[in-house]
Amino acid sequence: MSLRFLLGRSGAGKTSNILDEIRSKMAEDPEGNPIIYLVPDQMTFLSEYKLIKTPGLAGMIRTQVFSFSRLAWRVLQETGG
């Protein structure tokens, strides 16, 4: 498992780059390791919507879009804390 930060100013194409990479990984291996896309709270719905509307992808079971608070809740739920 790896963690990667993509930093840059507004309009540099960070979101497009990330979404394109996620789409290509989902197309290559739909049942591979999970992909977690971490976004601010107000961007979760829009990010999921952009992924779902990708033509040619049958689904997005492998990819999960989390906000920071939702990821914290998920970690606590899985660790029993």
Protein backbone atom coordinates (compact mmCIF):
# COMPACT_ATOMS: atom_id res chain seq x y z
CA MET A 1 0.00 0.00 0.00
CA SER A 2 1.31 3.45 -0.81
CA LEU A 3 0.35 6.99 0.03
CA ARG A 4 0.90 9.79 -2.42
CA PHE A 5 0.28 13.51 -2.11
CA LEU A 6 -0.38 15.57 -5.21
CA LEU A 7 0.26 19.22 -4.44
CA GLY A 8 -0.08 22.34 -6.55
CA ARG A 9 -1.97 25.55 -6.98
CA SER A 10 -5.54 25.87 -8.17
CA GLY A 11 -6.12 25.02 -11.82
CA ALA A 12 -2.96 22.97 -12.22
CA GLY A 13 -4.92 19.81 -13.13
CA LYS A 14 -4.50 17.86 -9.89
CA THR A 15 -8.08 16.57 -9.77
CA SER A 16 -8.14 15.61 -13.44
CA ASN A 17 -4.84 13.80 -13.07
CA ILE A 18 -6.06 11.83 -10.04
CA LEU A 19 -9.41 10.92 -11.61
CA ASP A 20 -7.74 9.82 -14.86
CA GLU A 21 -5.33 7.60 -12.94
CA ILE A 22 -8.13 6.06 -10.85
CA ARG A 23 -10.18 5.39 -13.99
CA SER A 24 -7.29 3.67 -15.73
CA LYS A 25 -6.52 1.50 -12.69
CA MET A 26 -10.18 0.50 -12.39
CA ALA A 27 -10.31 -0.38 -16.09
CA GLU A 28 -7.09 -2.44 -15.91
CA ASP A 29 -7.99 -4.46 -12.82
CA PRO A 30 -11.53 -3.97 -11.45
CA GLU A 31 -10.97 -6.42 -8.58
CA GLY A 32 -7.51 -5.24 -7.50
CA ASN A 33 -6.46 -3.62 -4.24
CA PRO A 34 -8.79 -0.93 -2.89
CA ILE A 35 -8.27 2.66 -4.01
CA ILE A 36 -9.08 5.32 -1.42
CA TYR A 37 -9.61 8.83 -2.76
CA LEU A 38 -9.43 11.33 0.12
CA VAL A 39 -11.15 14.68 -0.50
CA PRO A 40 -12.51 17.57 1.61
CA ASP A 41 -16.00 17.11 3.09
CA GLN A 42 -17.74 19.27 0.49
CA MET A 43 -16.21 17.39 -2.47
CA THR A 44 -17.24 13.78 -1.75
CA PHE A 45 -20.47 13.74 -3.77
CA LEU A 46 -18.99 15.54 -6.77
CA SER A 47 -15.96 13.23 -6.83
CA GLU A 48 -18.10 10.10 -6.68
CA TYR A 49 -20.38 11.51 -9.37
CA LYS A 50 -17.46 12.19 -11.71
CA LEU A 51 -16.21 8.62 -11.29
CA ILE A 52 -19.66 7.05 -11.75
CA LYS A 53 -20.29 9.00 -14.96
CA THR A 54 -17.16 7.61 -16.63
CA PRO A 55 -18.19 5.91 -19.87
CA GLY A 56 -17.03 2.31 -20.19
CA LEU A 57 -16.67 1.55 -16.48
CA ALA A 58 -19.14 -1.02 -15.20
CA GLY A 59 -18.86 0.11 -11.57
CA MET A 60 -16.57 1.43 -8.91
CA ILE A 61 -16.52 -1.20 -6.16
CA ARG A 62 -12.73 -0.98 -5.94
CA THR A 63 -12.65 2.80 -5.39
CA GLN A 64 -13.94 4.51 -2.27
CA VAL A 65 -14.22 8.28 -1.88
CA PHE A 66 -13.78 9.44 1.71
CA SER A 67 -13.82 12.77 3.45
CA PHE A 68 -11.39 13.21 6.32
CA SER A 69 -14.10 12.77 8.96
CA ARG A 70 -15.59 9.71 7.23
CA LEU A 71 -12.17 8.08 6.92
CA ALA A 72 -11.54 8.66 10.64
CA TRP A 73 -14.92 7.08 11.45
CA ARG A 74 -14.11 4.09 9.22
CA VAL A 75 -10.70 3.54 10.82
CA LEU A 76 -12.22 3.66 14.30
CA GLN A 77 -14.96 1.26 13.24
CA GLU A 78 -12.51 -1.29 11.85
CA THR A 79 -10.06 -1.08 14.76
CA GLY A 80 -12.74 -1.35 17.41
CA GLY A 81 -11.97 2.03 18.93
